[in-house]
Amino acid sequence: LWAARLNPISGARGKWAALALPRHLPTNRHADLAWRDLDRWGWLPGLDVRPDDAETRAAFLRHYRDDYRRWFDGHTIDPRSDRALREAVAVARAHGARVGLLFMPEASEFRGWYPPEVEKAGRSHFRALAEELGVPALDAREWMADDLLADGHHLSRTGAGPFTERLGAAVTRAFPPQ
């Protein structure tokens, strides 16, 4: 880090090369790698696991299980994250936006990785925060069938459509016209 700060040209040589000489680098070193597949709306393609592909979904769950279980164990709400969320709500409101909270869908196995005390604290914080801020709270964790979540916590392309329809209806109810 210090060497890169002392000599930014040398410290950023990989980025310079990726921008200036992409055809001389392996594809996985190109500067635009993360954004290459953006569609015309600015969306990146998500995981595309078909509902009938239980084997791939199970492999994704196995891949993430140990990391998430370890991360969830003893997890608490960081005061800095809580403050940042409150500040984001205040800024959005200051600019005239209506704000709500959303718990995104999770597969039953993924939800089962939360230790009971973490699960309870997360749900309690979600409800308390929504009440304190006076915003709608949409808990969509159990809205979608497990086979529509590619890896337990990301919707598959097949699941995105039905989720969006359900979310649209819920948002319409939560935010009636003023």
Protein backbone atom coordinates (compact mmCIF):
# COMPACT_ATOMS: atom_id res chain seq x y z
CA LEU A 1 0.00 0.00 0.00
CA TRP A 2 2.75 2.45 0.94
CA ALA A 3 4.77 1.67 -2.18
CA ALA A 4 1.72 2.27 -4.35
CA ARG A 5 1.11 5.62 -2.65
CA LEU A 6 4.73 6.70 -3.00
CA ASN A 7 4.78 5.86 -6.69
CA PRO A 8 1.21 5.82 -8.05
CA ILE A 9 2.35 5.09 -11.62
CA SER A 10 4.11 1.92 -10.53
CA GLY A 11 1.44 1.08 -7.96
CA ALA A 12 -1.29 1.22 -10.58
CA ARG A 13 0.68 -0.36 -13.42
CA GLY A 14 -1.74 -3.29 -13.67
CA LYS A 15 -4.67 -0.91 -14.11
CA TRP A 16 -2.74 1.20 -16.63
CA ALA A 17 -1.88 -1.90 -18.65
CA ALA A 18 -5.47 -3.16 -18.53
CA LEU A 19 -6.70 0.17 -19.90
CA ALA A 20 -3.96 0.86 -22.43
CA LEU A 21 -3.00 -2.61 -23.68
CA PRO A 22 -5.98 -4.94 -23.20
CA ARG A 23 -5.23 -7.11 -26.22
CA HIS A 24 -1.83 -7.98 -24.71
CA LEU A 25 -3.35 -9.26 -21.47
CA PRO A 26 -5.32 -12.41 -20.66
CA THR A 27 -9.09 -11.81 -20.81
CA ASN A 28 -9.45 -12.10 -17.04
CA ARG A 29 -7.11 -9.09 -16.58
CA HIS A 30 -9.07 -6.66 -18.77
CA ALA A 31 -10.24 -3.48 -17.05
CA ASP A 32 -13.83 -3.92 -18.23
CA LEU A 33 -14.17 -7.55 -17.12
CA ALA A 34 -16.79 -6.82 -14.45
CA TRP A 35 -18.88 -4.64 -16.78
CA ARG A 36 -18.47 -6.38 -20.11
CA ASP A 37 -21.83 -8.15 -19.98
CA LEU A 38 -23.99 -5.15 -19.03
CA ASP A 39 -27.26 -5.08 -20.94
CA ARG A 40 -28.77 -1.92 -22.41
CA TRP A 41 -30.49 -1.20 -19.08
CA GLY A 42 -27.23 -1.40 -17.15
CA TRP A 43 -27.90 -4.79 -15.56
CA LEU A 44 -25.38 -7.59 -15.27
CA PRO A 45 -26.61 -11.11 -15.91
CA GLY A 46 -27.26 -13.02 -12.72
CA LEU A 47 -26.84 -16.64 -11.90
CA ASP A 48 -29.02 -18.70 -14.17
CA VAL A 49 -29.88 -21.95 -12.46
CA ARG A 50 -33.03 -23.57 -13.83
CA PRO A 51 -35.64 -24.64 -11.26
CA ASP A 52 -35.12 -28.28 -12.28
CA ASP A 53 -31.31 -28.11 -11.79
CA ALA A 54 -31.14 -29.16 -8.14
CA GLU A 55 -27.58 -30.44 -8.55
CA THR A 56 -26.12 -27.03 -9.51
CA ARG A 57 -28.12 -25.27 -6.80
CA ALA A 58 -26.87 -27.78 -4.22
CA ALA A 59 -23.28 -27.19 -5.38
CA PHE A 60 -23.71 -23.43 -4.94
CA LEU A 61 -25.14 -23.96 -1.45
CA ARG A 62 -22.23 -26.25 -0.51
CA HIS A 63 -19.82 -23.63 -1.85
CA TYR A 64 -21.25 -20.86 0.35
CA ARG A 65 -22.31 -22.85 3.42
CA ASP A 66 -19.14 -22.79 5.50
CA ASP A 67 -18.33 -19.13 4.78
CA TYR A 68 -21.82 -17.90 5.61
CA ARG A 69 -22.20 -20.10 8.68
CA ARG A 70 -18.90 -18.77 9.99
CA TRP A 71 -19.93 -15.19 9.19
CA PHE A 72 -23.38 -15.58 10.78
CA ASP A 73 -22.02 -17.16 13.97
CA GLY A 74 -22.11 -14.48 16.65
CA HIS A 75 -22.97 -11.78 14.11
CA THR A 76 -24.31 -8.53 15.51
CA ILE A 77 -25.63 -5.33 13.97
CA ASP A 78 -22.63 -3.05 13.60
CA PRO A 79 -23.46 0.44 14.90
CA ARG A 80 -21.69 1.98 11.90
CA SER A 81 -23.91 0.04 9.49
CA ASP A 82 -26.99 1.01 11.45
CA ARG A 83 -25.94 4.68 11.41
CA ALA A 84 -25.17 4.55 7.67
CA LEU A 85 -28.61 3.10 6.93
CA ARG A 86 -30.30 5.79 9.02
CA GLU A 87 -28.28 8.49 7.26
CA ALA A 88 -29.19 7.05 3.84
CA VAL A 89 -32.88 7.17 4.77
CA ALA A 90 -32.51 10.77 5.94
CA VAL A 91 -30.76 11.81 2.71
CA ALA A 92 -33.35 10.04 0.55
CA ARG A 93 -36.17 11.74 2.44
CA ALA A 94 -34.41 15.11 2.23
CA HIS A 95 -34.51 14.70 -1.54
CA GLY A 96 -38.21 13.83 -1.58
CA ALA A 97 -37.97 10.03 -1.85
CA ARG A 98 -40.35 7.72 -0.05
CA VAL A 99 -38.39 5.00 1.73
CA GLY A 100 -39.07 1.41 2.76
CA LEU A 101 -37.03 -1.53 3.99
CA LEU A 102 -36.82 -4.84 2.15
CA PHE A 103 -35.57 -8.22 3.34
CA MET A 104 -34.70 -10.05 0.10
CA PRO A 105 -35.64 -13.71 -0.48
CA GLU A 106 -33.54 -16.52 0.95
CA ALA A 107 -33.88 -20.26 0.50
CA SER A 108 -34.96 -22.31 3.50
CA GLU A 109 -31.53 -23.96 3.81
CA PHE A 110 -29.81 -20.57 3.71
CA ARG A 111 -32.17 -19.21 6.40
CA GLY A 112 -31.33 -22.29 8.46
CA TRP A 113 -27.69 -21.26 8.65
CA TYR A 114 -28.48 -18.32 10.94
CA PRO A 115 -27.94 -19.17 14.60
CA PRO A 116 -31.27 -18.64 16.45
CA GLU A 117 -30.02 -15.59 18.36
CA VAL A 118 -28.78 -13.96 15.14
CA GLU A 119 -32.05 -14.72 13.35
CA LYS A 120 -34.04 -13.22 16.24
CA ALA A 121 -31.81 -10.14 16.48
CA GLY A 122 -31.95 -9.53 12.71
CA ARG A 123 -35.74 -9.77 12.50
CA SER A 124 -36.16 -7.67 15.64
CA HIS A 125 -33.81 -4.97 14.35
CA PHE A 126 -35.58 -4.92 10.98
CA ARG A 127 -39.01 -4.42 12.58
CA ALA A 128 -37.77 -1.90 15.16
CA LEU A 129 -35.92 0.14 12.56
CA ALA A 130 -38.95 0.26 10.27
CA GLU A 131 -41.17 1.36 13.15
CA GLU A 132 -38.71 3.94 14.46
CA LEU A 133 -38.15 5.45 11.01
CA GLY A 134 -41.82 5.19 10.11
CA VAL A 135 -41.19 3.27 6.89
CA PRO A 136 -42.88 0.19 5.40
CA ALA A 137 -41.06 -3.07 5.99
CA LEU A 138 -41.37 -5.81 3.38
CA ASP A 139 -40.06 -9.17 4.55
CA ALA A 140 -39.66 -11.19 1.35
CA ARG A 141 -37.33 -13.82 2.81
CA GLU A 142 -39.90 -16.60 2.40
CA TRP A 143 -41.67 -15.35 -0.73
CA MET A 144 -39.93 -17.56 -3.27
CA ALA A 145 -39.61 -21.32 -3.57
CA ASP A 146 -36.11 -22.64 -2.96
CA ASP A 147 -35.77 -23.73 -6.58
CA LEU A 148 -36.04 -20.07 -7.71
CA LEU A 149 -32.96 -19.05 -5.70
CA ALA A 150 -29.81 -19.97 -7.60
CA ASP A 151 -27.50 -20.23 -4.61
CA GLY A 152 -29.76 -19.76 -1.63
CA HIS A 153 -29.67 -15.97 -1.62
CA HIS A 154 -29.68 -14.76 -5.25
CA LEU A 155 -32.75 -15.08 -7.42
CA SER A 156 -32.30 -17.08 -10.59
CA ARG A 157 -33.43 -15.50 -13.85
CA THR A 158 -36.49 -17.73 -13.67
CA GLY A 159 -37.25 -16.44 -10.16
CA ALA A 160 -36.62 -12.76 -10.92
CA GLY A 161 -39.84 -12.28 -12.90
CA PRO A 162 -42.26 -13.74 -10.33
CA PHE A 163 -40.41 -11.94 -7.53
CA THR A 164 -40.62 -8.61 -9.35
CA GLU A 165 -44.37 -9.06 -9.89
CA ARG A 166 -44.92 -9.82 -6.22
CA LEU A 167 -42.63 -7.01 -5.12
CA GLY A 168 -44.40 -4.54 -7.41
CA ALA A 169 -47.76 -5.38 -5.85
CA ALA A 170 -46.31 -5.14 -2.31
CA VAL A 171 -44.66 -1.79 -3.02
CA THR A 172 -47.91 -0.47 -4.50
CA ARG A 173 -49.73 -1.43 -1.29
CA ALA A 174 -46.97 -0.04 0.92
CA PHE A 175 -46.80 3.26 -0.97
CA PRO A 176 -50.32 4.25 -2.01
CA PRO A 177 -50.56 7.36 -4.22
CA GLN A 178 -50.42 10.55 -2.19
